[in-house]
Amino acid sequence: MTRYDTPDGGFIITAAPINDTVDALSAPPIPRVQQSAALYDGRFGPLIDLSQAVPGYSAHPLLMEQLAQASSRTDLLGYGDIEGEDLLRKAYANDLQKTYGSQFGSSEVHITAGCNQAFVAAALTVAGAGDAVLLITPFYFNHDTTLAMLGINTRSVAASAENGFLPDPARLAAAITPDVKAIVCVTPNNPTGAIYPAGLMDTLFGLCMAHNIWLIVDETYRDFLPTDRAKPHDLFNRPDWRDHLIGLYSFSKSFCIPGHRLGAITAGTQIINNVAKVMDNLQICAPRAPQHAIAHALPRLDDWREGNRQEIARRRRTLERVIGELPDWHLSSVGAYFSYIRHPFKHLDSVTVAENLAREHGIICLPGAFFGSDQDRFLRLAFANVDSAGIENFADRLAHAEWPDG
């Protein structure tokens, strides 16, 4: 800042301008709620953190060993291929084949520094300033803010609690105007946990094909689907999927390495080639050591991943039971990693409820207001973060909590 004295004896302080679009964004939402938790006095026991999707268990020892070895390799200190290390692209293509039962080439995989970066790269590849992208409310807040920073217009189509937070294809179709370049869906959903049925995914793909736009599918949490689901959807089995589908994935949650930031884009080679142009200006290449570690661990940890899937399912069942025993709280949606609950305080907005939970009861969760309009009756719980005993403790605190009048 610079101070300028004025002729009348006063002064003004000026600063160079900031990008108005970025300046208008809210501060990162998760630290905001966590700040309230700093005021918690511990009266009910340790903090129960249901705010951020962080795996509630450690990475596998094999992966830890591979990370240590790869981090000490001097040949991985230089730049790598923009599209990602070839051995990880091949390993992930094989993993996709096991998941979807379809053939994938490594040229159809691009490795990124986390799934958020995968979304940035995908959005930049298919839309420009002044174009529009359809989001489904409640939406993942980083998708909304990413598009805003890029100057891409967002339009949202609400998914209702009455319909399990699944979007109505007719409403989506009505919202597709000539400037819309893509529909974004997250399944299993963040924040609601809703799992989009395969038939709905086919319908969404058909919409995009009919309007010649892209379907961007964020499947960060697909490894935590209920065990009775054979595969998430059939879109990758369509011969024309490369013309309208972009898949996003995160290694962070499945392998418990969010600090290493590793994600992936699955798309036709035309998209992958253009994503490389974007990535060359964002980061050049994703971190190389974790790429090598994951490439070696990926085909060897199927049983471990399945065990984690079953553990998350147990936590989900515990949550369903304990919330069902609370007469004033309602589990509106629950899925592979998240649940969306309706709080009973009609006179309080969701931010106030979340801040009170953190400050007075040692429970950190996110207010529905962070995920779009008309969400103030809801809270998001990242229930996979805590074990079943922690979920029981959480429900007990809710049952005995005192709440401010208003």
Protein backbone atom coordinates (compact mmCIF):
# COMPACT_ATOMS: atom_id res chain seq x y z
CA MET A 1 0.00 0.00 0.00
CA THR A 2 1.10 3.57 -0.67
CA ARG A 3 0.27 6.70 1.35
CA TYR A 4 -0.37 9.98 -0.44
CA ASP A 5 -0.69 13.27 1.44
CA THR A 6 -3.50 15.53 0.26
CA PRO A 7 -3.38 19.39 0.05
CA ASP A 8 -5.83 19.75 2.93
CA GLY A 9 -3.49 17.98 5.34
CA GLY A 10 -5.13 14.58 5.09
CA PHE A 11 -3.93 11.46 3.32
CA ILE A 12 -5.20 8.55 1.27
CA ILE A 13 -3.89 5.02 1.06
CA THR A 14 -4.08 3.19 -2.24
CA ALA A 15 -3.17 -0.27 -3.44
CA ALA A 16 -2.86 -1.76 -6.87
CA PRO A 17 -6.10 -3.36 -8.02
CA ILE A 18 -6.97 -7.03 -7.49
CA ASN A 19 -8.84 -9.22 -9.94
CA ASP A 20 -12.47 -8.39 -9.11
CA THR A 21 -13.63 -11.94 -9.84
CA VAL A 22 -11.20 -13.45 -7.36
CA ASP A 23 -11.68 -10.69 -4.81
CA ALA A 24 -15.44 -11.36 -4.83
CA LEU A 25 -15.02 -15.02 -3.93
CA SER A 26 -15.59 -16.14 -0.35
CA ALA A 27 -12.59 -17.27 1.67
CA PRO A 28 -11.87 -21.02 1.53
CA PRO A 29 -14.84 -22.55 3.37
CA ILE A 30 -13.30 -25.40 5.36
CA PRO A 31 -10.80 -23.23 7.33
CA ARG A 32 -13.70 -20.91 8.20
CA VAL A 33 -15.52 -23.64 10.12
CA GLN A 34 -12.31 -25.02 11.57
CA GLN A 35 -11.62 -21.60 13.09
CA SER A 36 -14.76 -21.97 15.21
CA ALA A 37 -13.43 -25.30 16.46
CA ALA A 38 -10.41 -23.49 17.90
CA LEU A 39 -12.78 -22.03 20.52
CA TYR A 40 -14.03 -25.46 21.66
CA ASP A 41 -13.08 -26.10 25.30
CA GLY A 42 -13.03 -29.90 25.13
CA ARG A 43 -15.91 -30.44 27.54
CA PHE A 44 -17.38 -33.34 25.50
CA GLY A 45 -14.10 -34.95 24.56
CA PRO A 46 -11.82 -34.65 21.54
CA LEU A 47 -12.89 -32.85 18.38
CA ILE A 48 -14.85 -34.93 15.90
CA ASP A 49 -13.83 -33.68 12.46
CA LEU A 50 -16.43 -34.42 9.80
CA SER A 51 -15.55 -31.41 7.67
CA GLN A 52 -12.95 -32.36 5.07
CA ALA A 53 -12.82 -35.65 3.18
CA VAL A 54 -9.63 -37.03 4.69
CA PRO A 55 -9.27 -40.83 5.00
CA GLY A 56 -9.65 -41.91 8.60
CA TYR A 57 -6.92 -44.56 8.34
CA SER A 58 -3.30 -44.69 7.18
CA ALA A 59 -1.84 -45.49 3.79
CA HIS A 60 -0.79 -49.08 3.20
CA PRO A 61 2.81 -49.91 4.32
CA LEU A 62 3.65 -51.03 0.76
CA LEU A 63 2.71 -47.61 -0.57
CA MET A 64 4.64 -45.87 2.21
CA GLU A 65 7.70 -47.94 1.27
CA GLN A 66 7.30 -47.08 -2.40
CA LEU A 67 6.90 -43.37 -1.58
CA ALA A 68 10.11 -43.41 0.45
CA GLN A 69 12.04 -45.13 -2.33
CA ALA A 70 10.70 -42.92 -5.10
CA SER A 71 11.33 -39.74 -3.10
CA SER A 72 15.02 -40.61 -2.83
CA ARG A 73 15.50 -41.15 -6.56
CA THR A 74 17.55 -38.37 -8.11
CA ASP A 75 16.26 -39.21 -11.60
CA LEU A 76 12.77 -38.12 -10.51
CA LEU A 77 13.87 -34.64 -9.45
CA GLY A 78 13.63 -33.23 -12.96
CA TYR A 79 10.61 -32.51 -15.11
CA GLY A 80 8.52 -35.44 -16.25
CA ASP A 81 6.13 -35.90 -19.12
CA ILE A 82 3.32 -33.34 -19.08
CA GLU A 83 0.69 -36.07 -19.46
CA GLY A 84 2.12 -38.02 -16.53
CA GLU A 85 4.56 -40.87 -15.97
CA ASP A 86 3.95 -43.57 -18.55
CA LEU A 87 4.01 -46.40 -16.00
CA LEU A 88 1.19 -44.77 -13.98
CA ARG A 89 -0.86 -43.99 -17.08
CA LYS A 90 -0.62 -47.67 -18.08
CA ALA A 91 -1.34 -48.91 -14.54
CA TYR A 92 -4.37 -46.66 -14.23
CA ALA A 93 -5.66 -47.66 -17.69
CA ASN A 94 -5.51 -51.29 -16.52
CA ASP A 95 -7.32 -50.35 -13.31
CA LEU A 96 -10.04 -48.63 -15.34
CA GLN A 97 -10.42 -51.80 -17.40
CA LYS A 98 -10.98 -53.84 -14.23
CA THR A 99 -13.51 -51.28 -12.96
CA TYR A 100 -15.55 -50.79 -16.12
CA GLY A 101 -14.83 -53.89 -18.20
CA SER A 102 -13.73 -51.81 -21.17
CA GLN A 103 -10.42 -51.30 -22.94
CA PHE A 104 -8.44 -48.11 -22.26
CA GLY A 105 -5.17 -46.91 -23.68
CA SER A 106 -2.61 -44.97 -21.67
CA SER A 107 -2.99 -42.19 -24.24
CA GLU A 108 -6.51 -41.70 -22.84
CA VAL A 109 -5.18 -40.89 -19.36
CA HIS A 110 -3.69 -37.62 -18.13
CA ILE A 111 -2.23 -37.42 -14.61
CA THR A 112 -2.79 -34.22 -12.63
CA ALA A 113 -1.83 -32.78 -9.26
CA GLY A 114 -5.10 -33.73 -7.59
CA CYS A 115 -8.66 -33.91 -8.84
CA ASN A 116 -9.27 -30.18 -8.32
CA GLN A 117 -6.55 -29.52 -10.87
CA ALA A 118 -8.09 -32.15 -13.13
CA PHE A 119 -11.32 -30.15 -13.08
CA VAL A 120 -9.52 -26.87 -13.79
CA ALA A 121 -7.78 -28.43 -16.78
CA ALA A 122 -10.95 -30.07 -18.09
CA ALA A 123 -12.98 -26.87 -17.73
CA LEU A 124 -10.35 -24.80 -19.52
CA THR A 125 -10.20 -27.37 -22.29
CA VAL A 126 -13.91 -27.33 -23.13
CA ALA A 127 -15.07 -23.81 -22.18
CA GLY A 128 -13.78 -20.27 -22.36
CA ALA A 129 -14.66 -16.92 -20.83
CA GLY A 130 -18.30 -16.13 -21.54
CA ASP A 131 -19.25 -19.76 -22.13
CA ALA A 132 -21.41 -21.56 -19.58
CA VAL A 133 -21.29 -24.83 -17.66
CA LEU A 134 -24.20 -26.50 -15.88
CA LEU A 135 -23.73 -27.54 -12.25
CA ILE A 136 -26.16 -29.58 -10.18
CA THR A 137 -27.12 -27.99 -6.85
CA PRO A 138 -26.01 -28.74 -4.24
CA PHE A 139 -22.65 -28.57 -5.98
CA TYR A 140 -19.04 -29.07 -4.91
CA PHE A 141 -17.98 -25.52 -4.06
CA ASN A 142 -14.56 -25.72 -5.75
CA HIS A 143 -16.24 -26.43 -9.06
CA ASP A 144 -18.29 -23.27 -8.73
CA THR A 145 -15.37 -21.06 -7.68
CA THR A 146 -13.08 -22.52 -10.35
CA LEU A 147 -15.52 -21.59 -13.10
CA ALA A 148 -16.01 -18.13 -11.61
CA MET A 149 -12.26 -17.45 -11.59
CA LEU A 150 -11.99 -18.57 -15.21
CA GLY A 151 -14.77 -16.24 -16.31
CA ILE A 152 -16.97 -19.18 -17.26
CA ASN A 153 -20.61 -18.63 -16.43
CA THR A 154 -22.28 -21.16 -14.17
CA ARG A 155 -25.87 -22.17 -14.23
CA SER A 156 -27.23 -24.51 -11.63
CA VAL A 157 -30.11 -26.94 -11.77
CA ALA A 158 -31.42 -27.94 -8.35
CA ALA A 159 -31.67 -31.56 -7.28
CA SER A 160 -34.22 -31.99 -4.52
CA ALA A 161 -34.05 -33.93 -1.28
CA GLU A 162 -37.39 -35.51 -2.20
CA ASN A 163 -35.70 -37.10 -5.23
CA GLY A 164 -32.65 -38.25 -3.29
CA PHE A 165 -30.66 -35.29 -4.67
CA LEU A 166 -30.64 -36.90 -8.11
CA PRO A 167 -31.05 -34.37 -10.95
CA ASP A 168 -34.16 -34.25 -13.10
CA PRO A 169 -33.01 -34.76 -16.71
CA ALA A 170 -35.93 -32.71 -18.03
CA ARG A 171 -34.83 -29.70 -15.96
CA LEU A 172 -31.26 -30.12 -17.15
CA ALA A 173 -32.41 -30.32 -20.77
CA ALA A 174 -34.40 -27.11 -20.34
CA ALA A 175 -31.30 -25.33 -19.00
CA ILE A 176 -29.09 -26.19 -21.97
CA THR A 177 -28.69 -23.04 -24.05
CA PRO A 178 -26.31 -22.45 -26.99
CA ASP A 179 -23.56 -21.12 -24.70
CA VAL A 180 -23.51 -24.24 -22.48
CA LYS A 181 -20.43 -26.37 -23.16
CA ALA A 182 -20.71 -29.04 -20.46
CA ILE A 183 -22.73 -30.59 -17.67
CA VAL A 184 -20.82 -31.46 -14.51
CA CYS A 185 -21.93 -34.23 -12.20
CA VAL A 186 -20.25 -35.73 -9.14
CA THR A 187 -21.05 -39.34 -8.31
CA PRO A 188 -20.85 -40.51 -5.59
CA ASN A 189 -21.89 -36.98 -4.86
CA ASN A 190 -20.10 -34.32 -2.89
CA PRO A 191 -21.80 -32.98 -0.75
CA THR A 192 -24.87 -35.25 -0.54
CA GLY A 193 -23.35 -38.70 -0.99
CA ALA A 194 -26.03 -39.51 -3.58
CA ILE A 195 -25.06 -42.25 -6.03
CA TYR A 196 -26.28 -41.70 -9.58
CA PRO A 197 -27.82 -44.89 -11.02
CA ALA A 198 -26.40 -46.23 -14.27
CA GLY A 199 -29.65 -45.45 -16.08
CA LEU A 200 -29.50 -41.80 -15.02
CA MET A 201 -25.90 -41.58 -16.23
CA ASP A 202 -26.99 -42.96 -19.61
CA THR A 203 -29.68 -40.28 -19.77
CA LEU A 204 -27.23 -37.50 -18.93
CA PHE A 205 -24.83 -38.75 -21.58
CA GLY A 206 -27.67 -38.84 -24.09
CA LEU A 207 -28.50 -35.22 -23.27
CA CYS A 208 -24.91 -34.18 -23.88
CA MET A 209 -24.73 -36.14 -27.10
CA ALA A 210 -27.99 -34.61 -28.37
CA HIS A 211 -26.75 -31.08 -27.64
CA ASN A 212 -23.13 -31.77 -28.67
CA ILE A 213 -21.68 -30.80 -25.29
CA TRP A 214 -19.48 -32.58 -22.74
CA LEU A 215 -20.42 -34.60 -19.67
CA ILE A 216 -17.72 -34.10 -17.02
CA VAL A 217 -18.04 -36.83 -14.39
CA ASP A 218 -16.12 -36.38 -11.14
CA GLU A 219 -15.72 -39.86 -9.62
CA THR A 220 -13.35 -39.00 -6.79
CA TYR A 221 -15.20 -41.38 -4.43
CA ARG A 222 -16.04 -44.27 -6.75
CA ASP A 223 -13.78 -46.70 -4.85
CA PHE A 224 -16.15 -46.36 -1.89
CA LEU A 225 -19.36 -47.39 -3.63
CA PRO A 226 -21.45 -50.02 -1.81
CA THR A 227 -19.94 -53.43 -2.44
CA ASP A 228 -23.04 -54.76 -4.19
CA ARG A 229 -22.53 -52.44 -7.17
CA ALA A 230 -20.64 -54.19 -9.98
CA LYS A 231 -19.45 -50.95 -11.59
CA PRO A 232 -20.37 -47.28 -11.34
CA HIS A 233 -21.96 -46.96 -14.82
CA ASP A 234 -21.76 -48.21 -18.38
CA LEU A 235 -20.69 -45.02 -20.14
CA PHE A 236 -17.16 -46.20 -20.87
CA ASN A 237 -18.61 -49.24 -22.64
CA ARG A 238 -20.22 -47.03 -25.27
CA PRO A 239 -18.29 -46.86 -28.55
CA ASP A 240 -18.87 -43.09 -28.72
CA TRP A 241 -17.85 -42.19 -25.15
CA ARG A 242 -14.71 -40.35 -26.29
CA ASP A 243 -16.81 -37.76 -28.15
CA HIS A 244 -18.73 -36.46 -25.12
CA LEU A 245 -17.34 -37.84 -21.83
CA ILE A 246 -14.53 -36.67 -19.53
CA GLY A 247 -13.88 -38.67 -16.35
CA LEU A 248 -12.11 -37.28 -13.29
CA TYR A 249 -10.54 -39.31 -10.48
CA SER A 250 -8.51 -38.84 -7.32
CA PHE A 251 -5.85 -41.17 -5.99
CA SER A 252 -5.77 -39.10 -2.80
CA LYS A 253 -8.78 -40.60 -1.04
CA SER A 254 -8.43 -44.18 -2.24
CA PHE A 255 -4.74 -44.41 -1.27
CA CYS A 256 -4.74 -41.98 1.69
CA ILE A 257 -2.25 -39.50 0.20
CA PRO A 258 -4.15 -36.19 -0.12
CA GLY A 259 -0.99 -34.27 0.70
CA HIS A 260 0.75 -35.66 -2.38
CA ARG A 261 -1.97 -34.31 -4.75
CA LEU A 262 -2.53 -36.87 -7.47
CA GLY A 263 -5.52 -37.14 -9.78
CA ALA A 264 -6.38 -38.28 -13.28
CA ILE A 265 -8.42 -37.36 -16.34
CA THR A 266 -9.83 -40.06 -18.60
CA ALA A 267 -10.88 -38.86 -22.06
CA GLY A 268 -10.36 -39.31 -25.77
CA THR A 269 -6.96 -38.41 -27.15
CA GLN A 270 -8.20 -35.09 -28.58
CA ILE A 271 -9.13 -33.93 -25.07
CA ILE A 272 -5.93 -35.36 -23.54
CA ASN A 273 -3.78 -33.56 -26.09
CA ASN A 274 -5.48 -30.27 -25.32
CA VAL A 275 -5.33 -30.84 -21.56
CA ALA A 276 -1.55 -31.13 -22.00
CA LYS A 277 -1.50 -27.57 -23.37
CA VAL A 278 -3.36 -26.38 -20.28
CA MET A 279 -1.18 -28.37 -17.88
CA ASP A 280 2.02 -27.03 -19.43
CA ASN A 281 0.91 -23.62 -18.18
CA LEU A 282 -0.42 -24.78 -14.82
CA GLN A 283 2.23 -27.09 -13.40
CA ILE A 284 4.13 -28.73 -16.30
CA CYS A 285 3.85 -32.13 -14.64
CA ALA A 286 2.27 -33.71 -11.58
CA PRO A 287 4.59 -34.71 -8.70
CA ARG A 288 6.70 -37.58 -10.00
CA ALA A 289 7.60 -39.57 -6.87
CA PRO A 290 4.00 -40.34 -5.85
CA GLN A 291 3.22 -41.25 -9.46
CA HIS A 292 5.86 -43.98 -9.35
CA ALA A 293 4.75 -45.11 -5.90
CA ILE A 294 1.09 -45.40 -6.94
CA ALA A 295 2.02 -47.14 -10.19
CA HIS A 296 3.77 -49.90 -8.25
CA ALA A 297 1.12 -50.14 -5.53
CA LEU A 298 -2.02 -49.86 -7.68
CA PRO A 299 -2.16 -53.45 -8.98
CA ARG A 300 -1.10 -54.90 -5.62
CA LEU A 301 -3.61 -53.27 -3.28
CA ASP A 302 -6.95 -54.51 -4.60
CA ASP A 303 -7.72 -56.45 -1.41
CA TRP A 304 -6.74 -53.48 0.76
CA ARG A 305 -8.97 -51.13 -1.24
CA GLU A 306 -11.84 -53.62 -0.95
CA GLY A 307 -11.31 -53.79 2.81
CA ASN A 308 -11.48 -50.00 3.02
CA ARG A 309 -14.66 -50.01 0.96
CA GLN A 310 -16.24 -52.43 3.41
CA GLU A 311 -15.07 -50.37 6.39
CA ILE A 312 -16.66 -47.22 4.95
CA ALA A 313 -19.87 -49.21 4.41
CA ARG A 314 -19.84 -50.19 8.10
CA ARG A 315 -19.44 -46.54 9.08
CA ARG A 316 -22.32 -45.64 6.79
CA ARG A 317 -24.58 -48.21 8.43
CA THR A 318 -23.64 -46.88 11.86
CA LEU A 319 -24.49 -43.34 10.78
CA GLU A 320 -27.83 -44.41 9.34
CA ARG A 321 -28.71 -46.12 12.61
CA VAL A 322 -27.69 -43.38 15.03
CA ILE A 323 -29.25 -40.54 13.03
CA GLY A 324 -32.42 -42.62 12.75
CA GLU A 325 -32.57 -42.64 16.55
CA LEU A 326 -32.53 -38.83 16.76
CA PRO A 327 -36.11 -37.59 16.33
CA ASP A 328 -35.24 -34.02 15.31
CA TRP A 329 -32.51 -34.77 12.78
CA HIS A 330 -33.07 -36.26 9.35
CA LEU A 331 -30.62 -38.12 7.14
CA SER A 332 -31.64 -36.69 3.78
CA SER A 333 -28.96 -38.50 1.78
CA VAL A 334 -26.03 -40.80 2.43
CA GLY A 335 -23.59 -42.42 0.05
CA ALA A 336 -20.05 -43.58 -0.39
CA TYR A 337 -18.25 -40.95 1.69
CA PHE A 338 -20.65 -38.15 2.62
CA SER A 339 -24.06 -37.68 4.13
CA TYR A 340 -26.34 -34.66 3.98
CA ILE A 341 -28.45 -34.17 7.09
CA ARG A 342 -31.28 -31.75 7.73
CA HIS A 343 -30.95 -29.92 11.02
CA PRO A 344 -34.06 -29.04 13.04
CA PHE A 345 -33.41 -25.31 13.56
CA LYS A 346 -35.63 -23.47 11.12
CA HIS A 347 -34.73 -20.15 12.75
CA LEU A 348 -30.96 -20.66 12.28
CA ASP A 349 -28.95 -20.61 9.06
CA SER A 350 -26.61 -23.50 8.37
CA VAL A 351 -23.44 -21.47 8.98
CA THR A 352 -24.64 -20.56 12.48
CA VAL A 353 -25.55 -24.18 13.20
CA ALA A 354 -22.16 -25.44 11.97
CA GLU A 355 -20.22 -22.82 13.90
CA ASN A 356 -22.17 -23.61 17.07
CA LEU A 357 -21.52 -27.32 16.65
CA ALA A 358 -17.80 -26.67 16.31
CA ARG A 359 -17.48 -24.09 19.07
CA GLU A 360 -19.79 -25.59 21.69
CA HIS A 361 -19.88 -29.32 20.95
CA GLY A 362 -16.57 -30.14 19.25
CA ILE A 363 -18.15 -31.32 16.00
CA ILE A 364 -16.74 -29.92 12.75
CA CYS A 365 -18.98 -30.22 9.69
CA LEU A 366 -19.83 -28.00 6.75
CA PRO A 367 -22.95 -25.86 6.37
CA GLY A 368 -25.21 -26.49 3.41
CA ALA A 369 -24.93 -22.83 2.41
CA PHE A 370 -21.44 -23.57 1.11
CA PHE A 371 -22.93 -25.79 -1.60
CA GLY A 372 -25.35 -23.46 -3.34
CA SER A 373 -28.62 -21.64 -2.84
CA ASP A 374 -31.51 -22.96 -0.70
CA GLN A 375 -29.26 -25.31 1.27
CA ASP A 376 -29.49 -23.67 4.69
CA ARG A 377 -31.40 -26.52 6.30
CA PHE A 378 -28.56 -28.96 5.64
CA LEU A 379 -25.13 -29.92 6.94
CA ARG A 380 -22.54 -32.06 5.17
CA LEU A 381 -20.87 -34.83 7.14
CA ALA A 382 -17.72 -36.50 5.83
CA PHE A 383 -18.52 -39.59 7.90
CA ALA A 384 -15.71 -41.67 6.41
CA ASN A 385 -13.26 -39.59 8.44
CA VAL A 386 -14.14 -41.24 11.76
CA ASP A 387 -14.69 -44.79 12.91
CA SER A 388 -17.99 -46.19 14.13
CA ALA A 389 -17.23 -45.29 17.76
CA GLY A 390 -16.65 -41.69 16.72
CA ILE A 391 -19.95 -41.66 14.83
CA GLU A 392 -21.72 -42.96 17.96
CA ASN A 393 -20.08 -40.18 19.98
CA PHE A 394 -21.14 -37.60 17.40
CA ALA A 395 -24.79 -38.68 17.64
CA ASP A 396 -24.66 -38.63 21.44
CA ARG A 397 -23.43 -35.03 21.37
CA LEU A 398 -26.27 -34.06 19.05
CA ALA A 399 -28.82 -35.76 21.29
CA HIS A 400 -27.70 -33.90 24.41
CA ALA A 401 -26.71 -30.58 22.92
CA GLU A 402 -28.21 -27.28 24.00
CA TRP A 403 -28.91 -24.77 21.25
CA PRO A 404 -29.16 -20.99 21.14
CA ASP A 405 -32.61 -19.45 20.89
CA GLY A 406 -33.41 -17.24 17.97
